[in-house]
N, C-alpha and C. Protein backbone atom coordinates (compact mmCIF):
# COMPACT_ATOMS: atom_id res chain seq x y z
N MET A 1 127.89 156.96 94.31
CA MET A 1 127.88 155.34 94.52
C MET A 1 126.61 155.28 93.84
N PHE A 2 126.11 154.47 92.78
CA PHE A 2 124.79 154.55 92.47
C PHE A 2 124.49 152.85 93.06
N LEU A 3 123.18 152.86 93.12
CA LEU A 3 122.75 151.43 93.49
C LEU A 3 121.59 151.19 92.55
N HIS A 4 121.78 149.94 91.84
CA HIS A 4 121.24 149.38 90.92
C HIS A 4 120.41 148.61 91.28
N VAL A 5 119.49 148.83 91.21
CA VAL A 5 117.97 147.53 91.71
C VAL A 5 117.30 146.73 90.43
N HIS A 6 117.31 145.41 90.48
CA HIS A 6 116.70 144.90 89.31
C HIS A 6 115.43 144.65 90.00
N VAL A 7 113.87 144.63 89.52
CA VAL A 7 113.21 144.04 89.62
C VAL A 7 112.94 142.91 88.71
N ILE A 8 112.51 141.34 89.33
CA ILE A 8 112.20 140.51 88.41
C ILE A 8 110.53 139.90 88.51
N ASN A 9 109.88 139.98 87.67
CA ASN A 9 108.48 139.83 87.76
C ASN A 9 108.39 138.11 87.41
N LEU A 10 108.04 137.10 88.61
CA LEU A 10 108.10 135.85 88.13
C LEU A 10 106.50 135.48 88.05
N LEU A 11 105.77 134.74 86.98
CA LEU A 11 104.61 134.32 86.91
C LEU A 11 104.90 132.93 87.18
N LEU A 12 104.62 132.18 87.97
CA LEU A 12 104.18 130.94 88.24
C LEU A 12 103.02 130.09 88.06
N LEU A 13 102.97 129.27 86.98
CA LEU A 13 101.58 128.57 86.86
C LEU A 13 101.52 127.47 87.52
N VAL A 14 100.76 127.65 88.59
CA VAL A 14 100.60 126.28 89.18
C VAL A 14 99.15 125.58 88.82
N ASN A 15 98.98 124.37 88.48
CA ASN A 15 98.05 123.65 87.93
C ASN A 15 97.71 122.36 88.22
N PRO A 16 96.75 121.85 88.13
CA PRO A 16 96.49 120.62 88.67
C PRO A 16 96.79 119.56 87.12
N PRO A 17 96.79 118.34 87.15
CA PRO A 17 97.14 117.64 85.75
C PRO A 17 96.09 117.91 84.81
N ALA A 18 96.70 117.98 83.64
CA ALA A 18 96.23 118.80 82.41
C ALA A 18 95.38 117.43 81.57
N GLN A 19 95.44 116.25 81.91
CA GLN A 19 95.05 114.93 81.48
C GLN A 19 94.69 113.68 82.50
N ALA A 20 93.66 113.17 82.17
CA ALA A 20 93.32 112.10 82.95
C ALA A 20 94.14 111.17 82.80
N PRO A 21 94.10 110.03 84.03
CA PRO A 21 94.79 108.52 83.12
C PRO A 21 94.46 108.16 81.77
N GLY A 22 95.40 107.51 81.19
CA GLY A 22 94.92 107.09 79.93
C GLY A 22 94.90 105.43 79.97
N ASN A 23 94.21 104.89 78.81
CA ASN A 23 94.36 103.68 78.41
C ASN A 23 93.64 102.80 79.64
N ILE A 24 92.44 103.33 79.90
CA ILE A 24 91.62 102.75 80.94
C ILE A 24 90.82 101.46 80.52
N LYS A 25 90.89 100.31 81.18
CA LYS A 25 90.28 99.00 81.09
C LYS A 25 89.69 98.55 82.40
N ILE A 26 88.39 98.08 82.17
CA ILE A 26 87.74 97.64 83.04
C ILE A 26 87.31 96.36 82.93
N VAL A 27 87.38 95.05 84.07
CA VAL A 27 86.64 93.99 83.64
C VAL A 27 86.14 93.57 84.98
N ALA A 28 84.85 92.78 84.84
CA ALA A 28 84.30 92.41 85.90
C ALA A 28 84.64 91.08 86.50
N VAL A 29 85.23 90.73 87.62
CA VAL A 29 85.90 89.65 88.01
C VAL A 29 85.22 89.27 88.88
N SER A 30 84.07 89.32 89.22
CA SER A 30 82.90 88.32 89.99
C SER A 30 81.69 89.49 89.91
N PRO A 31 80.47 88.76 90.73
CA PRO A 31 79.43 89.43 90.74
C PRO A 31 79.46 90.89 91.35
N ASN A 32 80.35 91.08 92.13
CA ASN A 32 80.51 92.15 93.18
C ASN A 32 81.64 93.04 92.93
N ALA A 33 82.48 92.72 91.87
CA ALA A 33 83.84 93.59 91.62
C ALA A 33 84.35 93.18 90.42
N VAL A 34 84.74 94.56 90.31
CA VAL A 34 85.42 95.11 88.90
C VAL A 34 86.87 95.44 89.20
N THR A 35 87.87 95.17 88.11
CA THR A 35 89.50 95.40 88.01
C THR A 35 89.37 96.52 86.92
N ALA A 36 90.15 97.92 87.79
CA ALA A 36 90.68 98.51 86.53
C ALA A 36 92.29 98.86 86.51
N THR A 37 92.30 98.60 85.32
CA THR A 37 94.00 98.93 84.64
C THR A 37 93.93 100.52 84.19
N PHE A 38 95.12 100.92 84.32
CA PHE A 38 95.26 102.32 83.67
C PHE A 38 96.63 102.42 83.58
N ASP A 39 96.65 103.76 82.61
CA ASP A 39 98.24 104.15 82.50
C ASP A 39 98.30 105.96 83.04
N GLY A 40 99.67 105.82 83.72
CA GLY A 40 99.57 107.08 84.25
C GLY A 40 99.27 108.11 83.24
N VAL A 41 99.43 109.56 83.86
CA VAL A 41 99.86 110.59 83.33
C VAL A 41 101.01 110.92 82.64
N PRO A 42 101.26 111.04 81.18
CA PRO A 42 102.58 111.32 81.01
C PRO A 42 103.19 113.02 81.40
N ASP A 43 104.49 112.83 81.83
CA ASP A 43 105.20 113.54 82.64
C ASP A 43 104.95 115.40 81.89
N GLY A 44 104.78 115.29 81.01
CA GLY A 44 104.33 116.64 80.12
C GLY A 44 103.16 117.36 80.31
N ASN A 45 102.12 116.37 80.84
CA ASN A 45 100.72 116.90 81.16
C ASN A 45 100.29 116.40 82.94
N ALA A 46 101.66 116.28 83.80
CA ALA A 46 101.26 116.15 85.03
C ALA A 46 100.88 117.63 85.51
N ASN A 47 101.80 118.85 84.96
CA ASN A 47 102.30 119.95 85.75
C ASN A 47 102.68 119.55 87.06
N GLY A 48 103.68 119.05 87.26
CA GLY A 48 104.37 118.59 88.43
C GLY A 48 104.28 117.18 88.53
N ILE A 49 104.19 116.54 89.83
CA ILE A 49 104.33 115.25 90.33
C ILE A 49 102.87 114.72 90.46
N VAL A 50 102.51 113.68 90.21
CA VAL A 50 101.30 113.45 90.42
C VAL A 50 101.23 112.59 91.77
N THR A 51 100.19 113.07 92.41
CA THR A 51 99.95 112.59 94.10
C THR A 51 99.33 111.35 94.04
N GLY A 52 98.32 111.41 93.14
CA GLY A 52 97.65 109.86 93.16
C GLY A 52 96.51 110.16 91.94
N TYR A 53 95.39 109.27 92.10
CA TYR A 53 94.42 109.01 90.91
C TYR A 53 92.86 108.93 92.08
N THR A 54 91.89 109.04 91.58
CA THR A 54 90.84 109.03 91.81
C THR A 54 90.04 108.06 90.72
N ILE A 55 89.10 107.22 91.47
CA ILE A 55 88.13 106.30 90.33
C ILE A 55 86.86 106.67 91.09
N TYR A 56 85.92 107.30 90.11
CA TYR A 56 84.34 107.22 90.64
C TYR A 56 83.71 105.92 89.93
N TYR A 57 82.66 105.76 90.59
CA TYR A 57 81.46 104.83 89.74
C TYR A 57 80.21 105.07 90.32
N GLN A 58 79.58 104.62 89.60
CA GLN A 58 77.92 104.66 90.20
C GLN A 58 77.31 103.76 89.52
N PRO A 59 76.21 102.90 89.93
CA PRO A 59 75.37 102.41 89.28
C PRO A 59 74.48 103.27 88.55
N ILE A 60 74.08 102.87 87.30
CA ILE A 60 72.96 103.49 86.35
C ILE A 60 71.62 102.90 86.09
N ASP A 61 71.83 101.73 86.14
CA ASP A 61 70.50 101.36 85.78
C ASP A 61 69.44 101.84 86.60
N GLY A 62 68.66 102.42 85.55
CA GLY A 62 67.30 103.17 85.84
C GLY A 62 67.27 104.11 87.14
N LEU A 63 68.41 104.79 87.26
CA LEU A 63 68.74 105.91 88.72
C LEU A 63 69.10 107.38 87.65
N PRO A 64 68.87 108.11 88.80
CA PRO A 64 69.05 109.64 88.16
C PRO A 64 70.57 109.76 87.94
N SER A 65 71.57 110.82 86.97
CA SER A 65 72.49 110.43 86.78
C SER A 65 73.49 111.35 87.75
N SER A 66 73.09 111.91 88.83
CA SER A 66 73.60 112.07 90.12
C SER A 66 73.74 111.34 90.98
N ALA A 67 72.80 109.89 91.25
CA ALA A 67 72.50 109.21 92.38
C ALA A 67 73.86 108.21 92.59
N ASN A 68 74.09 108.13 93.67
CA ASN A 68 75.16 107.54 94.12
C ASN A 68 76.37 107.32 93.55
N ILE A 69 77.06 108.29 93.08
CA ILE A 69 78.46 108.46 92.83
C ILE A 69 79.41 108.32 94.27
N LEU A 70 80.52 107.20 94.20
CA LEU A 70 81.31 106.47 95.01
C LEU A 70 82.35 106.94 94.73
N LYS A 71 83.64 107.11 95.07
CA LYS A 71 85.05 107.10 94.84
C LYS A 71 85.70 106.62 95.60
N MET A 72 86.86 106.05 94.78
CA MET A 72 88.25 105.53 95.75
C MET A 72 89.46 106.40 95.20
N ASN A 73 90.04 106.74 96.23
CA ASN A 73 91.59 107.22 96.06
C ASN A 73 92.70 106.33 95.95
N ILE A 74 93.48 106.46 95.11
CA ILE A 74 94.49 105.15 94.64
C ILE A 74 95.62 105.94 94.78
N SER A 75 96.81 105.43 94.92
CA SER A 75 98.28 106.13 95.47
C SER A 75 98.76 106.27 94.00
N SER A 76 99.67 107.04 93.76
CA SER A 76 100.35 107.30 92.78
C SER A 76 100.93 106.14 91.76
N SER A 77 101.34 105.34 92.64
CA SER A 77 102.25 104.18 92.14
C SER A 77 101.71 102.80 91.97
N ASN A 78 100.32 102.96 92.31
CA ASN A 78 99.30 101.97 91.76
C ASN A 78 98.62 102.17 90.34
N ARG A 79 98.76 100.75 89.70
CA ARG A 79 98.03 101.22 88.34
C ARG A 79 97.01 100.12 87.78
N ASN A 80 96.55 99.31 89.06
CA ASN A 80 95.66 98.43 89.07
C ASN A 80 94.77 98.32 90.45
N VAL A 81 93.50 98.35 90.30
CA VAL A 81 92.46 98.47 91.36
C VAL A 81 91.44 97.71 91.25
N THR A 82 90.78 96.70 92.48
CA THR A 82 89.77 96.21 92.35
C THR A 82 89.05 97.03 93.12
N ILE A 83 87.64 97.10 92.63
CA ILE A 83 86.38 97.85 93.15
C ILE A 83 85.58 96.61 93.65
N THR A 84 85.39 96.66 95.08
CA THR A 84 84.52 95.43 95.58
C THR A 84 83.35 96.09 96.13
N GLY A 85 82.32 94.87 96.29
CA GLY A 85 80.59 95.93 97.03
C GLY A 85 80.26 95.80 96.31
N LEU A 86 80.12 95.99 95.06
CA LEU A 86 79.29 96.52 93.83
C LEU A 86 77.93 95.42 93.73
N GLU A 87 77.09 95.71 93.44
CA GLU A 87 76.00 94.92 93.12
C GLU A 87 75.93 94.17 92.21
N GLU A 88 75.63 92.80 91.88
CA GLU A 88 75.69 92.23 90.91
C GLU A 88 74.51 92.22 90.02
N ASN A 89 74.96 92.22 88.47
CA ASN A 89 74.22 92.09 87.48
C ASN A 89 73.60 93.37 87.27
N VAL A 90 74.47 94.66 87.61
CA VAL A 90 74.23 96.20 87.69
C VAL A 90 75.34 96.71 86.74
N VAL A 91 74.42 97.77 85.73
CA VAL A 91 75.73 98.26 85.14
C VAL A 91 76.26 99.58 85.81
N TYR A 92 77.11 99.78 85.64
CA TYR A 92 78.13 100.93 86.58
C TYR A 92 78.91 101.87 85.04
N ARG A 93 78.75 103.20 85.67
CA ARG A 93 79.88 104.04 84.96
C ARG A 93 80.69 104.55 85.76
N ILE A 94 81.92 104.24 85.05
CA ILE A 94 83.49 104.28 85.99
C ILE A 94 84.29 105.48 85.18
N TRP A 95 84.55 106.37 85.62
CA TRP A 95 85.93 107.30 85.09
C TRP A 95 86.77 107.38 86.21
N MET A 96 87.93 108.40 85.83
CA MET A 96 88.84 108.65 86.72
C MET A 96 89.64 109.69 86.82
N THR A 97 90.42 110.45 87.57
CA THR A 97 91.19 111.65 87.47
C THR A 97 92.43 111.43 88.16
N SER A 98 93.28 112.25 87.66
CA SER A 98 94.43 112.34 88.72
C SER A 98 94.63 113.54 89.32
N SER A 99 95.48 113.66 90.17
CA SER A 99 95.85 114.50 91.14
C SER A 99 97.43 115.24 91.19
N ASN A 100 97.49 116.59 91.71
CA ASN A 100 98.79 116.72 92.25
C ASN A 100 98.88 117.80 93.12
N SER A 101 99.57 118.46 93.71
CA SER A 101 99.92 119.15 94.96
C SER A 101 98.60 120.37 94.68
N PHE A 102 98.33 120.83 93.30
CA PHE A 102 97.87 121.89 92.83
C PHE A 102 96.08 121.60 92.89
N GLY A 103 95.73 120.00 92.84
CA GLY A 103 94.36 119.86 92.76
C GLY A 103 94.31 118.76 91.45
N GLU A 104 92.94 118.43 91.44
CA GLU A 104 92.46 117.49 90.62
C GLU A 104 92.16 117.98 89.15
N GLY A 105 92.71 116.86 88.19
CA GLY A 105 92.71 117.05 86.62
C GLY A 105 91.26 116.85 86.26
N PRO A 106 91.11 116.85 84.84
CA PRO A 106 90.15 116.34 84.14
C PRO A 106 89.22 115.13 84.15
N LEU A 107 88.25 114.95 84.37
CA LEU A 107 87.52 113.69 83.99
C LEU A 107 88.10 112.68 82.75
N SER A 108 87.98 111.35 83.44
CA SER A 108 88.51 110.63 81.84
C SER A 108 87.21 110.63 81.14
N THR A 109 87.11 109.92 79.96
CA THR A 109 85.71 109.51 79.42
C THR A 109 84.79 108.08 80.06
N PRO A 110 84.31 108.47 80.62
CA PRO A 110 82.99 107.42 81.19
C PRO A 110 83.63 106.35 80.52
N ILE A 111 83.32 104.99 81.33
CA ILE A 111 83.08 103.62 80.48
C ILE A 111 82.09 103.11 81.74
N THR A 112 81.28 102.12 80.66
CA THR A 112 80.30 101.57 81.41
C THR A 112 80.41 100.11 81.47
N ILE A 113 80.42 99.41 82.43
CA ILE A 113 80.33 98.01 82.54
C ILE A 113 79.14 97.34 83.58
N LYS A 114 78.97 96.07 83.12
CA LYS A 114 77.77 95.36 83.86
C LYS A 114 78.65 94.21 84.64
N THR A 115 78.17 94.02 85.95
CA THR A 115 78.87 93.16 87.10
C THR A 115 78.16 92.01 86.23
N GLU A 116 79.01 90.69 86.81
CA GLU A 116 78.51 89.55 86.56
C GLU A 116 77.35 89.01 87.55
N ALA A 117 76.27 88.26 86.73
CA ALA A 117 75.11 87.97 87.49
C ALA A 117 75.68 86.73 88.30
N GLY A 118 75.18 86.46 89.53
CA GLY A 118 75.46 85.38 90.83
C GLY A 118 75.32 84.02 90.27
N LYS A 119 76.42 83.13 90.44
CA LYS A 119 76.44 81.85 90.06
C LYS A 119 75.43 81.12 90.97
N LEU A 120 74.34 80.31 90.30
CA LEU A 120 73.65 79.29 91.26
C LEU A 120 74.55 77.92 91.21
N LEU A 121 74.03 77.44 92.52
CA LEU A 121 74.88 76.05 92.94
C LEU A 121 73.91 75.15 92.42
N SER A 122 74.52 74.16 91.93
CA SER A 122 73.70 73.06 91.30
C SER A 122 72.76 72.51 92.41
N PRO A 123 71.74 71.94 92.45
CA PRO A 123 71.02 71.43 93.12
C PRO A 123 71.50 70.55 94.25
N HIS A 124 72.32 69.59 93.85
CA HIS A 124 72.90 68.63 94.91
C HIS A 124 73.78 69.25 95.84
N PHE A 125 73.75 70.42 95.87
CA PHE A 125 74.67 71.29 96.73
C PHE A 125 73.85 71.83 97.72
N LEU A 126 72.43 72.14 97.65
CA LEU A 126 71.64 72.83 98.30
C LEU A 126 71.02 71.70 99.29
N ILE A 127 70.95 72.34 100.70
CA ILE A 127 70.35 71.47 101.99
C ILE A 127 69.03 71.59 101.94
């Protein structure tokens, strides 16, 4: 009786998404908030199921490039997010990544936007 043994070598590549979210648009919606809309990562570049997105933002007016980097995690089903608590009339750099169960993918191209200046009340409203 002969016993045949077959050995199969399986190489499983596990990688984070190969692409950042696309078509990112940032709009100032108030002196202290901006809204970001974006497209998800195409299935062919997701390397699995996208589990979420991260939006990074930082004020850049006269600050070092590593100062005050903040982030917000976004669910995988969301394509629209509002960042609040920003300083008015300040330039921010914003970029995004996508993640799957294997990690975080590459950074998107940074976008800069200036928040709106605060609106002054007309004098007859002041007490």
